[in-house]
C-alpha cells in the first residue's frame, strides 16, 4: 500500500486533495469544489481527470477494494440525495475507468459526519468532500 499511496500522492498533486494512511488503509479526500459543478452531481473536467487518475492507479493495485463516500453539511433530504448521487457518480466513473464493479462500494453522508464542525450557519469546504478509501482485504 505504500507504493499505491505514493502513486496517488503524485497523481493527484494538482487537485489539492489530501491523502491519509489510517492503519493499512489509504484515504483520498477531494473537495467538492474540485470534483463537481456547483450544487450538482456532475463532475467538472478537473474532477473527471482526478477520478480517472485514481482509477488508473487502482487498476494497477487490483487486490484493493475501494469505498466512496460523498459528504455534505446539511441534513435535508435534498442534501442527502445529492451526497448519494455524487458518491454513485464517482463510483460509476471509477468503473468506467476500468475498476471492477465488485471492488467498489459507495454511500452519501449528510451532516452526521462533519469533517470540520463549523456551526449551523457556516458552510466549510471540508464538509463538502468525497473520500475514497482503499485497502487490501484480509485473507481468510
Protein backbone atom coordinates (compact mmCIF):
# COMPACT_ATOMS: atom_id res chain seq x y z
CA UNK A 1 0.00 0.00 0.00
CA UNK A 2 2.98 2.32 0.38
CA UNK A 3 3.55 2.25 -3.38
CA UNK A 4 -0.14 2.93 -4.05
CA UNK A 5 -0.10 5.86 -1.60
CA UNK A 6 2.98 7.28 -3.31
CA UNK A 7 1.36 6.92 -6.76
CA UNK A 8 -1.86 8.57 -5.57
CA UNK A 9 0.01 11.43 -3.91
CA UNK A 10 1.96 12.10 -7.11
CA UNK A 11 -1.00 11.63 -9.45
CA UNK A 12 -3.32 13.92 -7.51
CA UNK A 13 -0.83 16.68 -6.70
CA UNK A 14 -2.64 19.25 -8.88
CA UNK A 15 -6.04 18.63 -7.24
CA UNK A 16 -5.09 19.86 -3.76
CA UNK A 17 -6.53 16.62 -2.47
CA UNK A 18 -5.49 15.13 0.82
CA UNK A 19 -4.16 11.67 1.48
CA UNK A 20 -4.13 9.90 4.84
CA UNK A 21 -2.92 6.48 5.95
CA UNK A 22 -5.09 5.26 8.86
CA UNK A 23 -3.73 1.80 9.62
CA UNK A 24 -3.48 -0.29 6.48
CA UNK A 25 -5.87 1.91 4.51
CA UNK A 26 -5.39 4.84 2.18
CA UNK A 27 -7.94 7.65 2.28
CA UNK A 28 -8.01 10.15 -0.57
CA UNK A 29 -10.01 13.29 0.21
CA UNK A 30 -11.14 15.62 -2.56
CA UNK A 31 -13.17 18.80 -2.11
CA UNK A 32 -16.48 19.14 -3.92
CA UNK A 33 -15.34 22.41 -5.49
CA UNK A 34 -12.68 20.43 -7.36
CA UNK A 35 -14.89 17.50 -8.33
CA UNK A 36 -18.35 18.89 -9.05
CA UNK A 37 -20.21 21.70 -10.71
CA UNK A 38 -21.94 23.95 -8.13
CA UNK A 39 -24.73 22.11 -6.25
CA UNK A 40 -24.69 19.40 -8.91
CA UNK A 41 -23.67 15.76 -9.11
CA UNK A 42 -21.95 16.41 -12.47
CA UNK A 43 -18.16 16.09 -12.43
CA UNK A 44 -16.08 19.02 -13.61
CA UNK A 45 -13.34 18.42 -16.16
CA UNK A 46 -10.82 18.58 -13.31
CA UNK A 47 -12.95 16.18 -11.26
CA UNK A 48 -13.17 13.70 -14.13
CA UNK A 49 -9.41 13.86 -14.50
CA UNK A 50 -8.86 13.23 -10.76
CA UNK A 51 -11.20 10.22 -10.74
CA UNK A 52 -9.57 8.86 -13.92
CA UNK A 53 -6.17 9.12 -12.19
CA UNK A 54 -7.47 7.22 -9.17
CA UNK A 55 -9.00 4.55 -11.45
CA UNK A 56 -5.71 4.10 -13.34
CA UNK A 57 -3.81 3.65 -10.08
CA UNK A 58 -6.47 1.33 -8.62
CA UNK A 59 -6.24 -0.88 -11.72
CA UNK A 60 -2.53 -1.41 -11.01
CA UNK A 61 -3.32 -2.49 -7.43
CA UNK A 62 -6.08 -4.91 -8.35
CA UNK A 63 -6.32 -6.61 -4.94
CA UNK A 64 -7.55 -3.39 -3.32
CA UNK A 65 -11.16 -2.60 -2.52
CA UNK A 66 -12.49 0.95 -2.76
CA UNK A 67 -15.27 2.70 -0.88
CA UNK A 68 -16.54 6.12 -2.00
CA UNK A 69 -18.28 8.40 0.50
CA UNK A 70 -19.62 11.81 -0.51
CA UNK A 71 -20.25 14.25 2.33
CA UNK A 72 -22.46 17.32 2.71
CA UNK A 73 -23.00 19.55 5.73
CA UNK A 74 -26.80 19.59 5.53
CA UNK A 75 -29.39 17.19 6.87
CA UNK A 76 -32.19 17.88 4.40
CA UNK A 77 -33.47 15.15 2.11
CA UNK A 78 -32.16 17.04 -0.92
CA UNK A 79 -28.68 17.32 0.65
CA UNK A 80 -28.64 13.60 1.46
CA UNK A 81 -29.84 12.80 -2.05
CA UNK A 82 -27.08 14.96 -3.57
CA UNK A 83 -24.46 13.22 -1.43
CA UNK A 84 -25.72 9.77 -2.53
CA UNK A 85 -25.79 10.82 -6.19
CA UNK A 86 -22.26 12.24 -6.02
CA UNK A 87 -20.95 9.04 -4.43
CA UNK A 88 -22.64 6.99 -7.15
CA UNK A 89 -21.26 9.22 -9.93
CA UNK A 90 -17.70 8.87 -8.59
CA UNK A 91 -18.09 5.09 -8.19
CA UNK A 92 -19.52 4.78 -11.71
CA UNK A 93 -16.64 6.87 -13.06
CA UNK A 94 -14.12 4.55 -11.36
CA UNK A 95 -15.89 1.61 -13.01
CA UNK A 96 -15.85 3.39 -16.37
CA UNK A 97 -12.10 3.87 -15.77
CA UNK A 98 -11.61 0.11 -15.62
CA UNK A 99 -12.03 -0.74 -11.92
CA UNK A 100 -14.20 -3.86 -11.49
CA UNK A 101 -17.65 -3.09 -10.08
CA UNK A 102 -17.25 -5.76 -7.39
CA UNK A 103 -14.33 -3.84 -5.87
CA UNK A 104 -16.30 -0.64 -5.22
CA UNK A 105 -18.92 0.43 -2.69
CA UNK A 106 -20.42 3.87 -2.14
CA UNK A 107 -22.69 5.96 0.06
CA UNK A 108 -23.71 9.53 0.72
CA UNK A 109 -23.40 11.10 4.16
CA UNK A 110 -25.01 14.25 5.49
CA UNK A 111 -24.15 16.44 8.47
CA UNK A 112 -23.87 13.44 10.76
CA UNK A 113 -20.13 13.09 9.97
CA UNK A 114 -18.78 16.61 9.62
CA UNK A 115 -15.06 16.93 8.99
CA UNK A 116 -14.88 20.46 10.39
CA UNK A 117 -17.54 21.40 12.91
CA UNK A 118 -18.27 24.97 11.87
CA UNK A 119 -21.70 25.65 13.29
CA UNK A 120 -25.07 25.62 11.60
CA UNK A 121 -24.78 28.90 9.71
CA UNK A 122 -21.31 28.47 8.21
CA UNK A 123 -20.53 26.30 5.22
CA UNK A 124 -16.98 24.94 5.27
CA UNK A 125 -15.44 23.42 2.11
CA UNK A 126 -14.01 20.48 4.10
CA UNK A 127 -17.56 19.38 4.89
CA UNK A 128 -18.34 19.16 1.17
CA UNK A 129 -16.00 16.43 0.04
CA UNK A 130 -15.56 12.95 -1.32
CA UNK A 131 -13.39 10.36 0.39
CA UNK A 132 -12.18 7.27 -1.42
CA UNK A 133 -10.85 4.56 0.90
CA UNK A 134 -8.57 1.87 -0.49
CA UNK A 135 -7.48 -1.25 1.34
CA UNK A 136 -6.45 -4.82 0.75
CA UNK A 137 -8.92 -7.21 2.40
CA UNK A 138 -7.60 -9.70 4.93
CA UNK A 139 -7.33 -13.21 3.60
CA UNK A 140 -9.27 -15.76 5.49
